[in-house]
Protein backbone atom coordinates (compact mmCIF):
# COMPACT_ATOMS: atom_id res chain seq x y z
CA MET A 1 86.11 180.99 23.21
CA PRO A 2 86.71 177.26 23.92
CA ARG A 3 84.84 175.79 26.89
CA LYS A 4 88.10 175.50 28.83
CA GLY A 5 88.66 179.21 28.35
CA TRP A 6 85.19 179.97 29.65
CA GLY A 7 85.99 177.93 32.76
CA ALA A 8 89.18 179.88 33.40
CA ALA A 9 87.36 183.17 32.86
CA PHE A 10 84.63 182.11 35.29
CA ILE A 11 87.16 181.21 37.98
CA THR A 12 88.86 184.59 37.53
CA LEU A 13 85.51 186.39 37.72
CA ALA A 14 84.57 184.43 40.84
CA MET A 15 87.85 185.47 42.48
CA VAL A 16 87.19 189.13 41.64
CA VAL A 17 83.62 188.97 42.92
CA GLY A 18 84.75 187.18 46.08
CA THR A 19 87.42 189.81 46.69
CA ALA A 20 84.91 192.62 46.18
CA ALA A 21 82.47 191.01 48.58
CA ALA A 22 85.15 190.53 51.19
CA ALA A 23 86.11 194.18 50.81
CA GLY A 24 82.57 195.31 51.43
CA GLY A 25 81.69 195.96 47.77
CA MET A 26 78.67 193.66 47.96
CA PRO A 27 77.01 191.52 50.62
CA ALA A 28 78.33 188.00 50.94
CA PRO A 29 75.83 185.31 49.89
CA THR A 30 73.81 183.62 52.61
CA PRO A 31 74.79 179.94 53.01
CA ILE A 32 72.02 177.33 52.87
CA THR A 33 72.53 173.62 53.52
CA PHE A 34 70.10 171.65 51.39
CA MET A 35 69.59 167.87 51.34
CA LEU A 36 67.88 165.77 48.68
CA ASP A 37 65.51 163.00 49.71
CA TRP A 38 67.77 160.37 48.12
CA PHE A 39 70.28 160.02 45.28
CA PRO A 40 69.94 162.50 42.37
CA ASN A 41 67.14 161.50 39.99
CA PRO A 42 64.82 163.23 37.51
CA ASP A 43 62.53 164.44 40.31
CA HIS A 44 65.35 166.85 41.15
CA VAL A 45 65.93 168.39 37.71
CA PRO A 46 64.43 171.81 38.68
CA LEU A 47 66.76 172.00 41.69
CA TYR A 48 69.84 171.50 39.55
CA ALA A 49 68.43 173.97 37.03
CA ALA A 50 67.97 176.56 39.79
CA GLN A 51 71.60 176.07 40.76
CA ALA A 52 73.05 176.05 37.23
CA GLU A 53 70.95 178.93 35.89
CA GLY A 54 71.98 181.12 38.83
CA TYR A 55 68.60 181.51 40.52
CA PHE A 56 69.91 180.70 43.99
CA ALA A 57 72.81 183.11 43.49
CA GLN A 58 70.48 185.84 42.23
CA GLU A 59 68.50 185.46 45.45
CA GLY A 60 71.71 186.07 47.40
CA LEU A 61 72.15 182.43 48.44
CA ARG A 62 75.05 180.00 48.34
CA VAL A 63 73.38 176.58 48.36
CA ALA A 64 75.33 173.47 49.31
CA MET A 65 73.36 170.53 47.92
CA GLN A 66 73.85 167.28 49.83
CA VAL A 67 72.91 163.67 49.10
CA PRO A 68 71.86 161.68 52.19
CA ALA A 69 73.69 158.55 53.23
CA ASN A 70 70.36 157.11 54.40
CA PRO A 71 66.80 157.96 53.26
CA ASP A 72 65.88 158.69 56.90
CA ASP A 73 68.53 161.41 57.15
CA PRO A 74 66.64 164.33 55.56
CA LEU A 75 63.86 164.24 58.16
CA LYS A 76 66.14 163.64 61.12
CA LEU A 77 68.85 166.11 60.19
CA THR A 78 66.35 168.82 59.33
CA ALA A 79 64.53 168.34 62.64
CA ALA A 80 67.88 168.49 64.46
CA GLY A 81 68.82 171.75 62.72
CA ARG A 82 71.82 170.26 60.92
CA VAL A 83 70.22 170.92 57.53
CA ASP A 84 68.35 174.11 56.62
CA VAL A 85 66.06 172.66 53.96
CA ALA A 86 65.44 169.16 52.61
CA VAL A 87 63.27 167.39 50.09
CA ASN A 88 60.81 164.88 51.50
CA TYR A 89 57.35 163.39 51.08
CA GLU A 90 54.08 164.76 52.43
CA PRO A 91 53.10 161.38 53.98
CA ASN A 92 56.49 161.12 55.71
CA LEU A 93 56.23 164.65 57.03
CA ILE A 94 52.80 164.00 58.54
CA LEU A 95 54.01 160.75 60.13
CA ALA A 96 57.07 162.53 61.53
CA ARG A 97 55.01 165.44 62.87
CA ALA A 98 52.62 162.95 64.50
CA GLN A 99 55.71 161.69 66.36
CA THR A 100 56.46 165.31 67.46
CA LEU A 101 59.36 166.01 65.09
CA PRO A 102 59.30 169.83 64.69
CA ILE A 103 59.35 170.01 60.88
CA ARG A 104 57.00 171.50 58.30
CA SER A 105 56.69 172.09 54.56
CA ILE A 106 57.61 175.49 53.15
CA GLY A 107 57.37 174.74 49.44
CA LEU A 108 56.69 172.22 46.71
CA LEU A 109 58.67 170.24 44.16
CA ILE A 110 56.27 167.52 42.94
CA GLY A 111 52.70 168.69 43.41
CA HIS A 112 50.83 165.48 42.60
CA PRO A 113 50.95 161.85 43.85
CA LEU A 114 53.28 159.55 41.92
CA ASN A 115 52.52 156.43 43.97
CA THR A 116 50.45 153.67 42.35
CA VAL A 117 49.46 150.02 42.50
CA MET A 118 51.23 148.58 39.46
CA PHE A 119 50.92 145.33 37.51
CA LEU A 120 51.71 143.80 34.15
CA LYS A 121 48.82 144.11 31.71
CA ARG A 122 49.23 140.53 30.56
CA THR A 123 48.09 139.31 34.00
CA GLY A 124 44.53 140.26 33.06
CA ILE A 125 44.12 142.61 36.04
CA ARG A 126 41.72 145.38 35.06
CA SER A 127 40.16 146.66 38.29
CA PRO A 128 41.02 146.50 42.02
CA LYS A 129 38.56 143.61 42.41
CA ASP A 130 40.88 141.56 40.21
CA LEU A 131 43.44 141.66 43.04
CA VAL A 132 41.25 139.32 45.13
CA GLY A 133 43.30 136.20 45.81
CA LYS A 134 46.42 137.80 44.33
CA ARG A 135 49.83 138.53 45.85
CA VAL A 136 50.69 142.21 46.19
CA GLY A 137 54.29 143.19 46.92
CA PHE A 138 55.19 146.11 49.16
CA SER A 139 58.28 147.78 50.62
CA VAL A 140 56.99 149.66 53.66
CA THR A 141 54.19 148.45 55.90
CA GLY A 142 51.51 150.75 57.26
CA LEU A 143 51.03 153.29 54.52
CA GLU A 144 50.93 150.72 51.72
CA ASP A 145 48.40 148.64 53.67
CA ALA A 146 46.18 151.71 53.90
CA PHE A 147 46.49 152.37 50.18
CA ILE A 148 45.48 148.80 49.31
CA ASP A 149 42.63 148.88 51.80
CA GLN A 150 41.31 152.09 50.23
CA ILE A 151 41.45 151.02 46.59
CA MET A 152 39.94 147.61 47.36
CA HIS A 153 37.03 149.13 49.26
CA SER A 154 36.50 151.64 46.46
CA ASP A 155 35.79 148.68 44.18
CA GLY A 156 33.63 146.76 46.65
CA ALA A 157 36.30 144.33 47.84
CA ALA A 158 38.37 143.97 51.02
CA GLU A 159 42.09 144.13 51.72
CA SER A 160 41.81 140.82 53.58
CA ASN A 161 41.28 139.13 50.21
CA VAL A 162 44.79 140.16 49.14
CA LYS A 163 48.01 138.44 50.19
CA MET A 164 50.56 141.14 51.06
CA VAL A 165 54.19 140.09 50.40
CA ASN A 166 57.19 142.08 51.67
CA VAL A 167 59.60 142.31 48.73
CA SER A 168 61.76 145.03 50.30
CA PHE A 169 62.70 147.54 47.60
CA ASP A 170 62.77 144.94 44.80
CA LEU A 171 59.39 145.94 43.40
CA VAL A 172 60.29 145.60 39.73
CA PRO A 173 62.19 142.28 39.98
CA ALA A 174 59.37 140.81 42.09
CA LEU A 175 56.86 141.75 39.42
CA LEU A 176 58.92 140.64 36.43
CA THR A 177 59.78 137.26 38.00
CA HIS A 178 56.14 136.60 38.99
CA LYS A 179 56.94 136.53 42.69
CA VAL A 180 53.92 138.80 43.04
CA ASP A 181 50.99 139.74 40.82
CA ALA A 182 51.07 143.48 41.60
CA VAL A 183 53.04 145.93 43.71
CA VAL A 184 52.03 148.94 45.79
CA GLY A 185 54.44 151.85 46.21
CA ALA A 186 55.60 151.83 42.58
CA TYR A 187 55.98 155.24 40.98
CA ARG A 188 54.45 156.14 37.65
CA ASN A 189 57.62 158.00 36.62
CA VAL A 190 60.16 155.40 37.83
CA GLU A 191 59.09 151.74 38.06
CA ARG A 192 56.70 152.16 35.16
CA VAL A 193 59.58 153.32 32.96
CA GLN A 194 61.86 150.53 34.19
CA ILE A 195 59.26 147.89 33.31
CA GLU A 196 58.46 149.39 29.91
CA LEU A 197 62.18 149.36 29.09
CA GLN A 198 61.97 145.59 29.65
CA GLY A 199 59.37 145.43 26.89
CA GLN A 200 56.39 144.85 29.18
CA ALA A 201 53.08 146.73 29.05
CA VAL A 202 52.24 148.27 32.42
CA GLY A 203 48.89 148.74 34.12
CA MET A 204 48.37 150.80 37.24
CA PHE A 205 45.77 152.04 39.66
CA GLU A 206 46.47 155.68 40.45
CA LEU A 207 45.68 156.11 44.14
CA GLU A 208 43.92 159.46 43.82
CA LYS A 209 41.38 157.89 41.45
CA TYR A 210 40.34 155.31 44.07
CA GLY A 211 39.55 157.42 47.12
CA VAL A 212 43.00 158.28 48.46
CA PRO A 213 43.04 162.08 48.91
CA SER A 214 45.45 163.76 46.53
CA PHE A 215 48.66 164.84 48.24
CA TYR A 216 51.88 166.66 47.49
CA GLU A 217 54.44 164.01 46.55
CA LEU A 218 57.64 165.96 47.23
CA VAL A 219 57.81 168.99 49.50
CA LEU A 220 60.55 171.28 50.80
CA ILE A 221 60.87 170.93 54.56
CA THR A 222 62.53 172.90 57.32
CA SER A 223 62.42 172.88 61.11
CA ASP A 224 60.22 175.21 63.13
CA GLN A 225 63.36 176.74 64.64
CA ARG A 226 65.02 177.35 61.27
CA LEU A 227 61.82 178.95 59.98
CA ALA A 228 61.78 181.35 62.91
CA GLN A 229 65.49 182.13 62.58
CA ARG A 230 65.96 182.28 58.81
CA ARG A 231 62.62 183.05 57.24
CA PRO A 232 63.91 185.67 54.72
CA ALA A 233 66.58 183.26 53.40
CA LEU A 234 64.02 180.45 53.19
CA GLU A 235 61.66 182.70 51.24
CA GLN A 236 64.51 183.39 48.82
CA PHE A 237 65.18 179.67 48.54
CA VAL A 238 61.56 178.87 47.69
CA ARG A 239 61.50 181.64 45.07
CA ALA A 240 64.61 180.23 43.42
CA VAL A 241 63.13 176.71 43.35
CA SER A 242 59.95 178.13 41.80
CA ARG A 243 62.07 179.73 39.08
CA GLY A 244 63.90 176.44 38.58
CA ILE A 245 60.58 174.66 38.04
CA ALA A 246 59.38 177.36 35.62
CA PHE A 247 62.65 177.07 33.67
CA THR A 248 62.31 173.28 33.56
CA LEU A 249 58.78 173.49 32.18
CA ALA A 250 59.71 176.13 29.61
CA SER A 251 63.08 174.64 28.56
CA PRO A 252 63.07 170.95 29.51
CA ASP A 253 66.08 169.99 27.38
CA ALA A 254 68.23 172.74 28.88
CA ALA A 255 67.12 171.88 32.42
CA PHE A 256 67.86 168.20 31.89
CA ALA A 257 71.30 169.14 30.56
CA ASP A 258 71.91 171.08 33.80
CA TYR A 259 71.00 167.96 35.79
CA VAL A 260 73.27 165.74 33.68
CA HIS A 261 76.20 168.17 33.84
CA ALA A 262 75.97 168.36 37.65
CA ASN A 263 75.93 164.58 38.11
CA ILE A 264 77.74 162.95 35.17
CA ARG A 265 81.01 162.61 37.06
CA GLY A 266 79.40 160.66 39.89
CA ASN A 267 77.06 158.69 37.63
CA PRO A 268 78.18 158.14 34.01
CA LYS A 269 74.76 156.63 33.21
CA ILE A 270 72.83 159.75 34.25
CA ASN A 271 72.06 160.56 30.59
CA ASP A 272 70.74 157.12 29.71
CA GLU A 273 67.35 156.21 28.24
CA PHE A 274 65.86 155.54 31.66
CA ASN A 275 66.72 158.98 33.03
CA ARG A 276 65.51 160.74 29.88
CA ARG A 277 62.20 158.87 29.82
CA SER A 278 61.72 159.20 33.58
CA PHE A 279 62.23 162.96 33.32
CA ARG A 280 59.67 163.22 30.53
CA ALA A 281 57.22 161.23 32.65
CA THR A 282 57.83 163.58 35.58
CA LEU A 283 57.28 166.86 33.72
CA PRO A 284 53.48 166.94 34.17
CA TYR A 285 53.82 166.61 37.94
CA TYR A 286 56.23 169.41 38.90
CA ALA A 287 54.46 171.91 41.14
CA ARG A 288 52.87 174.78 39.21
CA SER A 289 52.60 176.96 42.31
CA GLN A 290 54.31 177.32 45.67
CA VAL A 291 51.02 178.12 47.41
CA GLN A 292 50.06 175.07 49.46
CA ALA A 293 46.37 174.37 50.02
CA GLY A 294 45.42 173.83 53.66
CA ALA A 295 42.42 171.71 52.68
CA ARG A 296 44.69 169.34 50.76
CA TRP A 297 46.98 168.85 53.75
CA ASP A 298 43.97 168.45 56.04
CA ASP A 299 42.22 165.87 53.86
CA PHE A 300 45.23 163.57 53.64
CA ASP A 301 46.12 164.08 57.31
CA ARG A 302 42.61 163.01 58.36
CA TRP A 303 42.67 160.09 55.93
CA LEU A 304 45.89 158.79 57.55
CA ALA A 305 44.23 159.04 60.97
CA ALA A 306 41.05 157.31 59.75
CA HIS A 307 43.18 154.42 58.43
CA LYS A 308 45.11 154.19 61.74
CA VAL A 309 48.42 155.09 60.09
CA ILE A 310 48.67 157.82 62.74
CA SER A 311 46.84 157.81 66.07
CA SER A 312 45.11 161.14 65.43
CA ALA A 313 45.16 163.93 62.90
CA VAL A 314 47.90 166.53 63.30
CA PRO A 315 46.73 170.17 63.55
CA VAL A 316 47.07 171.36 59.98
CA ASP A 317 48.81 174.61 60.97
CA GLN A 318 51.73 172.49 62.18
CA LEU A 319 52.23 170.84 58.79
CA TYR A 320 53.05 173.69 56.44
CA THR A 321 53.76 177.39 56.08
CA ASN A 322 53.34 179.23 52.78
CA LEU A 323 56.39 181.36 52.04
CA ALA A 324 55.39 182.16 48.45
CA ARG A 325 54.27 185.73 47.79
């Protein structure tokens, strides 16, 4: 049957199912409002796969996926109860919880740090000590300062020997135009790919190899209130995401096609070389389990406090709840 015919058949089937549900033939799906951390990108492929392959529906959920207007929205709207679940970053969650926002992680999307200190290989930088006297670009103060301080001390140098330059979010242009010698906050699956597509060889210091405790890059967050009110639905949501990740790892081409199909209308370039290469670079880092390790949360939480990013460590039982079974 032509694709158009399949679409018509699906609409008809959906109407029949909807009518049966309304008549009491089957329970209506539970609605979930879900917000990404930012615009759709290859980090999110398993989420679109979970939607397209029917895993949310099979868990009895109707998931409305939203894109935030501002990168601060997922934390704020989740804390306010206007969003059931959102994607965000472990460091951001800890910072928010330290400021008493009642949010916590309930699951994982990217289970490994992606953040790095990045530079062009032709600069001759080989170790953190080589950053002495150099200009390092950053986007967000506080956390990036702590990262630089840690990697410099790990190599016997001091952050004070580095000139920090605020380049806003123009990390790649600042590096390619020699405004800075290195950047902190560049991602090994994003900026690295962008630079390599410009024909430049990239070097990077992976934070976890220089004394920064390993952390969960992208987590699924909810509010304390939502967790208390909707725990069964949130457990179903986490299970569906876990299946989406497993599908992505087993069938990466099909999962990427789900992501492209969901977003091609809003972004005609979604299937370009950058997105394909970025996705391939992300594959090793998708979470292999939804069981979060308390020690991992605790180590990074205490590291943030030791580096004065937060005034004191947050009690670890406020940071996450394992919903995986």
